[in-house]
């Protein structure tokens, strides 16, 4: 044991508890900042269907030759009024009206889970029930309060590509 002024120094109970708390806090902060996708809900598999929804003008790029981005799907695989989630690419592609394709982040703005499905005109998050409109990514049902960010998708022929 170390000595100070001839007296042995031993850790106090308060010092031991504070040190243990600091180690625990460091572990939590490291886990939160690691960027790892260990949340099983955020690894939801790609999902599909949608059969109704509102229609508003789309802003996706018009069909053009050449593409050059990441191929996602054939246009026929994206239902009108619905969409499809591409979890690996972290994007959801919707077709609010015939021939109009839109892309949005597949990461829910509430707690960062990956959305899991598109149905009844909404993009649906399995974690806390948030829903987003297929036409513009705006919140249809909370707890999310921010829309899904737009992602650029292009259509070339019958192929939907992420830019």
C-alpha atoms as a PDB file:
ATOM      1  CA  UNK A   1       0.000   0.000   0.000  1.00  0.00           C
ATOM      2  CA  UNK A   2       1.337   3.494  -0.824  1.00  0.00           C
ATOM      3  CA  UNK A   3       2.070   5.754   2.071  1.00  0.00           C
ATOM      4  CA  UNK A   4       1.592   9.490   2.480  1.00  0.00           C
ATOM      5  CA  UNK A   5       3.159  11.252   5.456  1.00  0.00           C
ATOM      6  CA  UNK A   6       3.842   7.870   7.015  1.00  0.00           C
ATOM      7  CA  UNK A   7       0.165   6.735   6.887  1.00  0.00           C
ATOM      8  CA  UNK A   8      -1.076   3.972   4.539  1.00  0.00           C
ATOM      9  CA  UNK A   9      -3.459   5.229   1.820  1.00  0.00           C
ATOM     10  CA  UNK A  10      -6.376   3.028   0.818  1.00  0.00           C
ATOM     11  CA  UNK A  11      -9.172   3.827  -1.591  1.00  0.00           C
ATOM     12  CA  UNK A  12     -12.389   5.077  -0.053  1.00  0.00           C
ATOM     13  CA  UNK A  13     -15.730   3.551  -0.813  1.00  0.00           C
ATOM     14  CA  UNK A  14     -16.737   6.801  -2.526  1.00  0.00           C
ATOM     15  CA  UNK A  15     -13.629   6.683  -4.722  1.00  0.00           C
ATOM     16  CA  UNK A  16     -14.246   3.063  -5.751  1.00  0.00           C
ATOM     17  CA  UNK A  17     -17.904   3.769  -6.645  1.00  0.00           C
ATOM     18  CA  UNK A  18     -16.952   6.897  -8.625  1.00  0.00           C
ATOM     19  CA  UNK A  19     -14.289   4.980 -10.565  1.00  0.00           C
ATOM     20  CA  UNK A  20     -16.704   2.151 -11.362  1.00  0.00           C
ATOM     21  CA  UNK A  21     -19.302   4.663 -12.545  1.00  0.00           C
ATOM     22  CA  UNK A  22     -16.742   6.361 -14.770  1.00  0.00           C
ATOM     23  CA  UNK A  23     -15.790   3.057 -16.382  1.00  0.00           C
ATOM     24  CA  UNK A  24     -19.465   2.261 -16.991  1.00  0.00           C
ATOM     25  CA  UNK A  25     -20.100   5.686 -18.489  1.00  0.00           C
ATOM     26  CA  UNK A  26     -17.099   5.308 -20.793  1.00  0.00           C
ATOM     27  CA  UNK A  27     -18.428   1.941 -21.982  1.00  0.00           C
ATOM     28  CA  UNK A  28     -21.871   3.410 -22.721  1.00  0.00           C
ATOM     29  CA  UNK A  29     -20.430   6.374 -24.597  1.00  0.00           C
ATOM     30  CA  UNK A  30     -18.158   4.110 -26.615  1.00  0.00           C
ATOM     31  CA  UNK A  31     -21.094   1.879 -27.566  1.00  0.00           C
ATOM     32  CA  UNK A  32     -23.229   4.865 -28.568  1.00  0.00           C
ATOM     33  CA  UNK A  33     -20.520   6.346 -30.746  1.00  0.00           C
ATOM     34  CA  UNK A  34     -19.278   3.205 -32.435  1.00  0.00           C
ATOM     35  CA  UNK A  35     -21.517   3.528 -35.496  1.00  0.00           C
ATOM     36  CA  UNK A  36     -22.245  -0.204 -35.338  1.00  0.00           C
ATOM     37  CA  UNK A  37     -25.613  -1.540 -36.469  1.00  0.00           C
ATOM     38  CA  UNK A  38     -26.087  -3.923 -33.574  1.00  0.00           C
ATOM     39  CA  UNK A  39     -29.800  -3.078 -33.192  1.00  0.00           C
ATOM     40  CA  UNK A  40     -31.646  -6.016 -34.703  1.00  0.00           C
ATOM     41  CA  UNK A  41     -34.607  -3.803 -35.605  1.00  0.00           C
ATOM     42  CA  UNK A  42     -32.338  -1.661 -37.742  1.00  0.00           C
ATOM     43  CA  UNK A  43     -31.398  -4.727 -39.737  1.00  0.00           C
ATOM     44  CA  UNK A  44     -34.936  -5.357 -40.883  1.00  0.00           C
ATOM     45  CA  UNK A  45     -34.998  -7.264 -44.168  1.00  0.00           C
ATOM     46  CA  UNK A  46     -36.057  -5.578 -47.372  1.00  0.00           C
ATOM     47  CA  UNK A  47     -39.781  -5.409 -47.580  1.00  0.00           C
ATOM     48  CA  UNK A  48     -42.180  -4.659 -50.306  1.00  0.00           C
ATOM     49  CA  UNK A  49     -45.752  -3.963 -50.994  1.00  0.00           C
ATOM     50  CA  UNK A  50     -47.995  -1.030 -50.988  1.00  0.00           C
ATOM     51  CA  UNK A  51     -51.395  -0.805 -52.527  1.00  0.00           C
ATOM     52  CA  UNK A  52     -52.782   2.649 -51.918  1.00  0.00           C
ATOM     53  CA  UNK A  53     -51.580   6.144 -51.363  1.00  0.00           C
ATOM     54  CA  UNK A  54     -51.804   9.760 -52.333  1.00  0.00           C
ATOM     55  CA  UNK A  55     -50.413  11.063 -55.543  1.00  0.00           C
ATOM     56  CA  UNK A  56     -48.402  14.232 -55.915  1.00  0.00           C
ATOM     57  CA  UNK A  57     -45.859  15.189 -58.534  1.00  0.00           C
ATOM     58  CA  UNK A  58     -42.595  13.327 -58.115  1.00  0.00           C
ATOM     59  CA  UNK A  59     -39.164  14.874 -58.197  1.00  0.00           C
ATOM     60  CA  UNK A  60     -37.052  11.928 -59.284  1.00  0.00           C
ATOM     61  CA  UNK A  61     -34.814  12.377 -62.276  1.00  0.00           C
ATOM     62  CA  UNK A  62     -36.371  11.540 -65.625  1.00  0.00           C
ATOM     63  CA  UNK A  63     -35.431   8.406 -67.487  1.00  0.00           C
ATOM     64  CA  UNK A  64     -32.023   8.739 -69.067  1.00  0.00           C
ATOM     65  CA  UNK A  65     -29.472   6.445 -70.599  1.00  0.00           C
ATOM     66  CA  UNK A  66     -26.293   5.389 -68.888  1.00  0.00           C
ATOM     67  CA  UNK A  67     -27.308   5.303 -65.214  1.00  0.00           C
ATOM     68  CA  UNK A  68     -24.038   4.724 -63.418  1.00  0.00           C
ATOM     69  CA  UNK A  69     -25.503   4.411 -59.912  1.00  0.00           C
ATOM     70  CA  UNK A  70     -26.391   1.411 -57.777  1.00  0.00           C
ATOM     71  CA  UNK A  71     -29.129  -0.678 -59.438  1.00  0.00           C
ATOM     72  CA  UNK A  72     -32.005  -1.246 -57.017  1.00  0.00           C
ATOM     73  CA  UNK A  73     -34.973  -2.795 -58.815  1.00  0.00           C
ATOM     74  CA  UNK A  74     -37.052  -3.007 -61.938  1.00  0.00           C
ATOM     75  CA  UNK A  75     -39.795  -0.390 -62.116  1.00  0.00           C
ATOM     76  CA  UNK A  76     -42.358  -3.210 -62.135  1.00  0.00           C
ATOM     77  CA  UNK A  77     -41.169  -4.250 -58.638  1.00  0.00           C
ATOM     78  CA  UNK A  78     -42.209  -0.895 -57.125  1.00  0.00           C
ATOM     79  CA  UNK A  79     -46.014  -0.857 -56.728  1.00  0.00           C
ATOM     80  CA  UNK A  80     -48.020   2.260 -57.579  1.00  0.00           C
ATOM     81  CA  UNK A  81     -49.037   3.961 -54.324  1.00  0.00           C
ATOM     82  CA  UNK A  82     -46.468   1.898 -52.457  1.00  0.00           C
ATOM     83  CA  UNK A  83     -42.792   1.146 -52.509  1.00  0.00           C
ATOM     84  CA  UNK A  84     -39.947  -1.113 -51.511  1.00  0.00           C
ATOM     85  CA  UNK A  85     -37.316  -0.899 -48.777  1.00  0.00           C
ATOM     86  CA  UNK A  86     -33.671  -1.602 -49.652  1.00  0.00           C
ATOM     87  CA  UNK A  87     -32.199  -2.012 -46.156  1.00  0.00           C
ATOM     88  CA  UNK A  88     -28.637  -2.714 -47.342  1.00  0.00           C
ATOM     89  CA  UNK A  89     -28.545   0.555 -49.294  1.00  0.00           C
ATOM     90  CA  UNK A  90     -30.510   2.390 -46.560  1.00  0.00           C
ATOM     91  CA  UNK A  91     -33.032   3.689 -49.089  1.00  0.00           C
ATOM     92  CA  UNK A  92     -36.738   3.242 -49.751  1.00  0.00           C
ATOM     93  CA  UNK A  93     -38.128   3.780 -53.250  1.00  0.00           C
ATOM     94  CA  UNK A  94     -41.773   4.685 -53.739  1.00  0.00           C
ATOM     95  CA  UNK A  95     -44.052   5.171 -56.741  1.00  0.00           C
ATOM     96  CA  UNK A  96     -46.737   7.598 -55.526  1.00  0.00           C
ATOM     97  CA  UNK A  97     -48.357   7.778 -58.974  1.00  0.00           C
ATOM     98  CA  UNK A  98     -47.795   5.766 -62.107  1.00  0.00           C
ATOM     99  CA  UNK A  99     -44.320   6.406 -63.501  1.00  0.00           C
ATOM    100  CA  UNK A 100     -43.235   8.758 -60.693  1.00  0.00           C
ATOM    101  CA  UNK A 101     -40.463   7.315 -58.511  1.00  0.00           C
ATOM    102  CA  UNK A 102     -39.102   8.852 -55.318  1.00  0.00           C
ATOM    103  CA  UNK A 103     -36.280   7.903 -53.007  1.00  0.00           C
ATOM    104  CA  UNK A 104     -36.030   8.495 -49.270  1.00  0.00           C
ATOM    105  CA  UNK A 105     -33.653   7.530 -46.508  1.00  0.00           C
ATOM    106  CA  UNK A 106     -34.709   4.219 -44.952  1.00  0.00           C
ATOM    107  CA  UNK A 107     -33.521   5.452 -41.546  1.00  0.00           C
ATOM    108  CA  UNK A 108     -36.392   6.581 -39.321  1.00  0.00           C
ATOM    109  CA  UNK A 109     -35.955  10.131 -38.063  1.00  0.00           C
ATOM    110  CA  UNK A 110     -37.290   9.192 -34.614  1.00  0.00           C
ATOM    111  CA  UNK A 111     -34.663   6.799 -33.225  1.00  0.00           C
ATOM    112  CA  UNK A 112     -32.627   5.677 -36.235  1.00  0.00           C
ATOM    113  CA  UNK A 113     -34.216   2.295 -36.923  1.00  0.00           C
ATOM    114  CA  UNK A 114     -34.455   1.061 -40.498  1.00  0.00           C
ATOM    115  CA  UNK A 115     -37.998   1.241 -41.846  1.00  0.00           C
ATOM    116  CA  UNK A 116     -39.331  -2.208 -42.659  1.00  0.00           C
ATOM    117  CA  UNK A 117     -42.269  -1.962 -45.020  1.00  0.00           C
ATOM    118  CA  UNK A 118     -44.392   0.158 -47.313  1.00  0.00           C
ATOM    119  CA  UNK A 119     -48.148  -0.380 -47.234  1.00  0.00           C
ATOM    120  CA  UNK A 120     -51.399   1.553 -47.440  1.00  0.00           C
ATOM    121  CA  UNK A 121     -49.595   4.647 -48.719  1.00  0.00           C
ATOM    122  CA  UNK A 122     -47.076   4.845 -45.882  1.00  0.00           C
ATOM    123  CA  UNK A 123     -43.477   3.877 -45.171  1.00  0.00           C
ATOM    124  CA  UNK A 124     -43.550   2.075 -41.827  1.00  0.00           C
ATOM    125  CA  UNK A 125     -41.006   1.881 -39.014  1.00  0.00           C
ATOM    126  CA  UNK A 126     -41.286  -1.254 -36.847  1.00  0.00           C
ATOM    127  CA  UNK A 127     -39.568   0.188 -33.759  1.00  0.00           C
ATOM    128  CA  UNK A 128     -42.060   2.735 -32.433  1.00  0.00           C
ATOM    129  CA  UNK A 129     -44.774   2.896 -35.101  1.00  0.00           C
ATOM    130  CA  UNK A 130     -43.772   5.989 -37.058  1.00  0.00           C
ATOM    131  CA  UNK A 131     -45.256   6.222 -40.552  1.00  0.00           C
ATOM    132  CA  UNK A 132     -44.245   8.453 -43.464  1.00  0.00           C
ATOM    133  CA  UNK A 133     -46.189   9.385 -46.626  1.00  0.00           C
ATOM    134  CA  UNK A 134     -44.945   7.650 -49.804  1.00  0.00           C
ATOM    135  CA  UNK A 135     -45.416  10.834 -51.852  1.00  0.00           C
ATOM    136  CA  UNK A 136     -43.060  13.129 -49.956  1.00  0.00           C
ATOM    137  CA  UNK A 137     -41.640  11.331 -46.893  1.00  0.00           C
ATOM    138  CA  UNK A 138     -43.554  13.609 -44.511  1.00  0.00           C
ATOM    139  CA  UNK A 139     -44.713  12.246 -41.155  1.00  0.00           C
ATOM    140  CA  UNK A 140     -48.104  10.534 -41.321  1.00  0.00           C
ATOM    141  CA  UNK A 141     -47.973   9.151 -37.770  1.00  0.00           C
ATOM    142  CA  UNK A 142     -45.534   9.824 -34.910  1.00  0.00           C
ATOM    143  CA  UNK A 143     -43.598   9.594 -32.727  1.00  0.00           C
ATOM    144  CA  UNK A 144     -41.276  10.848 -35.497  1.00  0.00           C
ATOM    145  CA  UNK A 145     -41.567  14.601 -36.027  1.00  0.00           C
ATOM    146  CA  UNK A 146     -39.228  15.040 -39.015  1.00  0.00           C
ATOM    147  CA  UNK A 147     -39.766  13.719 -42.553  1.00  0.00           C
ATOM    148  CA  UNK A 148     -37.545  11.113 -44.149  1.00  0.00           C
ATOM    149  CA  UNK A 149     -34.761  12.866 -46.080  1.00  0.00           C
ATOM    150  CA  UNK A 150     -34.995  12.569 -49.858  1.00  0.00           C
ATOM    151  CA  UNK A 151     -32.486  10.384 -51.710  1.00  0.00           C
ATOM    152  CA  UNK A 152     -31.866  10.738 -55.408  1.00  0.00           C
ATOM    153  CA  UNK A 153     -33.044   7.858 -57.543  1.00  0.00           C
ATOM    154  CA  UNK A 154     -33.117   7.702 -61.312  1.00  0.00           C
ATOM    155  CA  UNK A 155     -35.061   5.613 -63.764  1.00  0.00           C
ATOM    156  CA  UNK A 156     -33.387   4.367 -66.905  1.00  0.00           C
ATOM    157  CA  UNK A 157     -35.604   2.217 -69.068  1.00  0.00           C
ATOM    158  CA  UNK A 158     -37.187  -0.211 -66.634  1.00  0.00           C
ATOM    159  CA  UNK A 159     -34.477   0.032 -63.961  1.00  0.00           C
ATOM    160  CA  UNK A 160     -34.501   2.155 -60.782  1.00  0.00           C
ATOM    161  CA  UNK A 161     -31.017   3.215 -59.695  1.00  0.00           C
ATOM    162  CA  UNK A 162     -29.711   5.033 -56.638  1.00  0.00           C
ATOM    163  CA  UNK A 163     -27.460   7.911 -57.670  1.00  0.00           C
END
